Amino acid sequence: MAESHAAIDQHRKQKVKSFLKTWLFSIAKHAAIDQHRKQKVKSFFSENWLMKLATKEGSPENVLTKRENVRLPF
């Protein structure tokens, strides 16, 4: 009888350990994913990206002027 109680206790402890490992791994995984997403957003909207866009297209006024001066073929 004592052996069965010990086995049940061991099984319960193992379930708790397994649950805690899974739970902690899940938290770590989601934290890593969130960090990766933040880095992607930061790199997408970096100043360099905005400067490249500004120099490629010119100022907003230049872009508007170019669009207004385009003549349609019909």
Protein backbone atom coordinates (compact mmCIF):
# COMPACT_ATOMS: atom_id res chain seq x y z
CA MET A 1 0.00 0.00 0.00
CA ALA A 2 2.80 2.41 0.87
CA GLU A 3 4.45 1.65 -2.48
CA SER A 4 1.32 2.65 -4.39
CA HIS A 5 1.08 5.93 -2.48
CA ALA A 6 4.72 6.64 -3.24
CA ALA A 7 4.14 5.88 -6.92
CA ILE A 8 1.12 8.19 -7.02
CA ASP A 9 3.08 10.97 -5.32
CA GLN A 10 5.95 10.48 -7.77
CA HIS A 11 3.53 10.64 -10.69
CA ARG A 12 1.97 13.87 -9.37
CA LYS A 13 5.38 15.47 -8.89
CA GLN A 14 6.35 14.47 -12.43
CA LYS A 15 3.14 16.00 -13.82
CA VAL A 16 3.80 19.26 -11.98
CA LYS A 17 7.41 19.38 -13.24
CA SER A 18 6.25 18.70 -16.78
CA PHE A 19 3.59 21.38 -16.56
CA LEU A 20 6.04 23.96 -15.21
CA LYS A 21 8.61 23.20 -17.92
CA THR A 22 5.97 23.53 -20.64
CA TRP A 23 4.62 26.74 -19.14
CA LEU A 24 8.06 28.35 -18.80
CA PHE A 25 9.09 27.28 -22.30
CA SER A 26 5.89 28.79 -23.67
CA ILE A 27 6.59 32.12 -21.93
CA ALA A 28 10.17 32.16 -23.23
CA LYS A 29 9.04 31.31 -26.77
CA HIS A 30 6.46 34.09 -26.83
CA ALA A 31 8.93 36.60 -25.39
CA ALA A 32 11.42 35.73 -28.13
CA ILE A 33 8.75 36.10 -30.82
CA ASP A 34 7.69 39.48 -29.43
CA GLN A 35 11.30 40.67 -29.37
CA HIS A 36 11.82 39.53 -32.96
CA ARG A 37 8.70 41.41 -34.08
CA LYS A 38 9.84 44.59 -32.32
CA GLN A 39 13.22 44.39 -34.06
CA LYS A 40 11.54 43.96 -37.45
CA VAL A 41 9.33 47.00 -36.88
CA LYS A 42 12.28 49.09 -35.68
CA SER A 43 14.37 48.16 -38.70
CA PHE A 44 11.48 48.82 -41.10
CA PHE A 45 10.84 52.30 -39.75
CA SER A 46 14.41 53.32 -39.08
CA GLU A 47 15.65 56.78 -39.97
CA ASN A 48 17.80 55.32 -42.73
CA TRP A 49 14.72 53.86 -44.39
CA LEU A 50 12.94 57.19 -44.24
CA MET A 51 15.97 59.07 -45.55
CA LYS A 52 16.33 56.65 -48.47
CA LEU A 53 12.69 57.14 -49.33
CA ALA A 54 12.96 60.91 -49.10
CA THR A 55 16.04 61.08 -51.33
CA LYS A 56 14.61 58.62 -53.82
CA GLU A 57 11.28 60.38 -54.25
CA GLY A 58 12.36 63.88 -53.32
CA SER A 59 10.36 66.16 -51.11
CA PRO A 60 6.58 65.75 -50.87
CA GLU A 61 6.20 68.99 -52.83
CA ASN A 62 8.35 67.59 -55.67
CA VAL A 63 6.33 64.40 -55.78
CA LEU A 64 3.07 66.35 -55.94
CA THR A 65 4.44 68.62 -58.66
CA LYS A 66 5.53 65.63 -60.73
CA ARG A 67 2.11 64.06 -60.40
CA GLU A 68 0.33 67.28 -61.36
CA ASN A 69 2.53 67.74 -64.45
CA VAL A 70 1.87 64.27 -65.82
CA ARG A 71 -0.34 64.51 -68.89
CA LEU A 72 -2.74 61.77 -69.70
CA PRO A 73 -2.54 60.40 -73.28
CA PHE A 74 -6.28 60.78 -73.99
